[in-house]
Amino acid sequence: MSELLREHPTLVGGTDNGNDTYVAQIWARATDNGHWEAWIVFVPVQQGAHMRRTERDTTQASRDDVEHWAAGVTSIYLQSALARSRPVRIAAV
């Protein structure tokens, strides 16, 4: 099951007028082999915009290790991650 580990206080993207501005969240989950993987979800500030997410950003040996990694993610890293992120597609059932 995925867990929200951290929400960064600094907005990411174009902050001038709210367009393409996101709140960055780091999510993680345990893998089948006991390691932990993490990725970044970008939640739009502007209504009607789409969430974005990265593929796996890191794999760590433990939950503590992935939390340590998440604590060290900088705003520069987040800007780069936003550039390589993809829109989240939610399929209707």
C-alpha atoms as a PDB file:
ATOM      1  CA  MET A   1       0.000   0.000   0.000  1.00  0.00           C
ATOM      2  CA  SER A   2       1.313   3.435  -0.927  1.00  0.00           C
ATOM      3  CA  GLU A   3       2.034   6.024   1.766  1.00  0.00           C
ATOM      4  CA  LEU A   4       2.390   9.781   1.610  1.00  0.00           C
ATOM      5  CA  LEU A   5       5.793  10.441   3.189  1.00  0.00           C
ATOM      6  CA  ARG A   6       6.247  14.154   2.707  1.00  0.00           C
ATOM      7  CA  GLU A   7       4.567  17.215   1.252  1.00  0.00           C
ATOM      8  CA  HIS A   8       6.993  19.984   0.391  1.00  0.00           C
ATOM      9  CA  PRO A   9       6.132  23.496   1.578  1.00  0.00           C
ATOM     10  CA  THR A  10       7.546  25.180  -1.540  1.00  0.00           C
ATOM     11  CA  LEU A  11       5.373  25.378  -4.655  1.00  0.00           C
ATOM     12  CA  VAL A  12       6.846  23.962  -7.859  1.00  0.00           C
ATOM     13  CA  GLY A  13       6.376  25.268 -11.392  1.00  0.00           C
ATOM     14  CA  GLY A  14       5.148  28.643 -12.631  1.00  0.00           C
ATOM     15  CA  THR A  15       4.173  30.495  -9.475  1.00  0.00           C
ATOM     16  CA  ASP A  16       3.513  33.930 -11.055  1.00  0.00           C
ATOM     17  CA  ASN A  17      -0.232  33.527 -11.566  1.00  0.00           C
ATOM     18  CA  GLY A  18      -0.940  30.014 -10.334  1.00  0.00           C
ATOM     19  CA  ASN A  19      -0.786  28.447 -13.791  1.00  0.00           C
ATOM     20  CA  ASP A  20       1.136  25.196 -13.836  1.00  0.00           C
ATOM     21  CA  THR A  21       1.887  25.513 -10.136  1.00  0.00           C
ATOM     22  CA  TYR A  22       1.997  22.354  -8.045  1.00  0.00           C
ATOM     23  CA  VAL A  23       2.376  21.061  -4.529  1.00  0.00           C
ATOM     24  CA  ALA A  24       4.944  18.242  -4.537  1.00  0.00           C
ATOM     25  CA  GLN A  25       4.258  15.093  -2.540  1.00  0.00           C
ATOM     26  CA  ILE A  26       6.606  12.159  -2.090  1.00  0.00           C
ATOM     27  CA  TRP A  27       4.864   8.785  -2.017  1.00  0.00           C
ATOM     28  CA  ALA A  28       6.415   5.396  -1.275  1.00  0.00           C
ATOM     29  CA  ARG A  29       5.567   1.731  -0.965  1.00  0.00           C
ATOM     30  CA  ALA A  30       7.242  -1.511   0.000  1.00  0.00           C
ATOM     31  CA  THR A  31       8.191  -3.779  -2.883  1.00  0.00           C
ATOM     32  CA  ASP A  32       7.857  -7.553  -3.004  1.00  0.00           C
ATOM     33  CA  ASN A  33      11.512  -7.982  -2.039  1.00  0.00           C
ATOM     34  CA  GLY A  34      11.209  -5.813   1.084  1.00  0.00           C
ATOM     35  CA  HIS A  35      12.831  -2.690  -0.342  1.00  0.00           C
ATOM     36  CA  TRP A  36      11.028   0.626  -0.640  1.00  0.00           C
ATOM     37  CA  GLU A  37      10.446   2.673  -3.784  1.00  0.00           C
ATOM     38  CA  ALA A  38       9.395   6.314  -3.969  1.00  0.00           C
ATOM     39  CA  TRP A  39       8.018   8.669  -6.592  1.00  0.00           C
ATOM     40  CA  ILE A  40       6.767  12.246  -6.683  1.00  0.00           C
ATOM     41  CA  VAL A  41       3.183  13.350  -7.274  1.00  0.00           C
ATOM     42  CA  PHE A  42       2.499  16.943  -8.299  1.00  0.00           C
ATOM     43  CA  VAL A  43      -0.923  18.192  -7.184  1.00  0.00           C
ATOM     44  CA  PRO A  44      -2.061  21.272  -9.143  1.00  0.00           C
ATOM     45  CA  VAL A  45      -2.958  24.456  -7.326  1.00  0.00           C
ATOM     46  CA  GLN A  46      -5.081  25.695 -10.239  1.00  0.00           C
ATOM     47  CA  GLN A  47      -8.542  24.199 -10.497  1.00  0.00           C
ATOM     48  CA  GLY A  48      -9.041  22.083 -13.613  1.00  0.00           C
ATOM     49  CA  ALA A  49      -5.358  21.243 -14.042  1.00  0.00           C
ATOM     50  CA  HIS A  50      -4.198  17.629 -13.995  1.00  0.00           C
ATOM     51  CA  MET A  51      -2.065  15.851 -11.427  1.00  0.00           C
ATOM     52  CA  ARG A  52       1.342  14.688 -12.609  1.00  0.00           C
ATOM     53  CA  ARG A  53       3.738  12.040 -11.312  1.00  0.00           C
ATOM     54  CA  THR A  54       7.183  10.701 -11.909  1.00  0.00           C
ATOM     55  CA  GLU A  55       8.166   7.122 -12.424  1.00  0.00           C
ATOM     56  CA  ARG A  56      10.148   5.600  -9.545  1.00  0.00           C
ATOM     57  CA  ASP A  57      12.667   8.175  -8.299  1.00  0.00           C
ATOM     58  CA  THR A  58      14.512   5.927  -5.877  1.00  0.00           C
ATOM     59  CA  THR A  59      14.662   2.470  -4.384  1.00  0.00           C
ATOM     60  CA  GLN A  60      15.956   2.154  -0.833  1.00  0.00           C
ATOM     61  CA  ALA A  61      16.632  -0.759   1.495  1.00  0.00           C
ATOM     62  CA  SER A  62      14.154   0.324   4.189  1.00  0.00           C
ATOM     63  CA  ARG A  63      11.362   2.737   5.020  1.00  0.00           C
ATOM     64  CA  ASP A  64      13.778   4.754   7.159  1.00  0.00           C
ATOM     65  CA  ASP A  65      16.145   5.030   4.192  1.00  0.00           C
ATOM     66  CA  VAL A  66      13.406   6.243   1.850  1.00  0.00           C
ATOM     67  CA  GLU A  67      12.267   8.781   4.468  1.00  0.00           C
ATOM     68  CA  HIS A  68      15.856  10.018   4.725  1.00  0.00           C
ATOM     69  CA  TRP A  69      15.993  10.335   0.928  1.00  0.00           C
ATOM     70  CA  ALA A  70      12.675  12.244   0.886  1.00  0.00           C
ATOM     71  CA  ALA A  71      13.908  14.682   3.529  1.00  0.00           C
ATOM     72  CA  GLY A  72      16.876  15.586   1.316  1.00  0.00           C
ATOM     73  CA  VAL A  73      14.918  16.331  -1.871  1.00  0.00           C
ATOM     74  CA  THR A  74      15.547  19.961  -2.851  1.00  0.00           C
ATOM     75  CA  SER A  75      13.434  22.449  -4.781  1.00  0.00           C
ATOM     76  CA  ILE A  76      15.880  22.152  -7.698  1.00  0.00           C
ATOM     77  CA  TYR A  77      15.332  18.376  -7.759  1.00  0.00           C
ATOM     78  CA  LEU A  78      11.564  18.943  -7.694  1.00  0.00           C
ATOM     79  CA  GLN A  79      11.723  21.319 -10.678  1.00  0.00           C
ATOM     80  CA  SER A  80      13.643  18.687 -12.619  1.00  0.00           C
ATOM     81  CA  ALA A  81      11.209  15.980 -11.536  1.00  0.00           C
ATOM     82  CA  LEU A  82       8.261  18.104 -12.681  1.00  0.00           C
ATOM     83  CA  ALA A  83       9.872  18.467 -16.112  1.00  0.00           C
ATOM     84  CA  ARG A  84      10.091  14.677 -16.503  1.00  0.00           C
ATOM     85  CA  SER A  85       6.738  13.873 -14.903  1.00  0.00           C
ATOM     86  CA  ARG A  86       3.696  12.663 -16.817  1.00  0.00           C
ATOM     87  CA  PRO A  87       0.008  13.444 -16.388  1.00  0.00           C
ATOM     88  CA  VAL A  88      -1.879  11.032 -14.164  1.00  0.00           C
ATOM     89  CA  ARG A  89      -4.597   9.282 -16.109  1.00  0.00           C
ATOM     90  CA  ILE A  90      -7.575   8.017 -14.157  1.00  0.00           C
ATOM     91  CA  ALA A  91      -9.594   5.426 -16.013  1.00  0.00           C
ATOM     92  CA  ALA A  92     -13.333   5.198 -15.494  1.00  0.00           C
ATOM     93  CA  VAL A  93     -14.628   1.766 -14.591  1.00  0.00           C
END
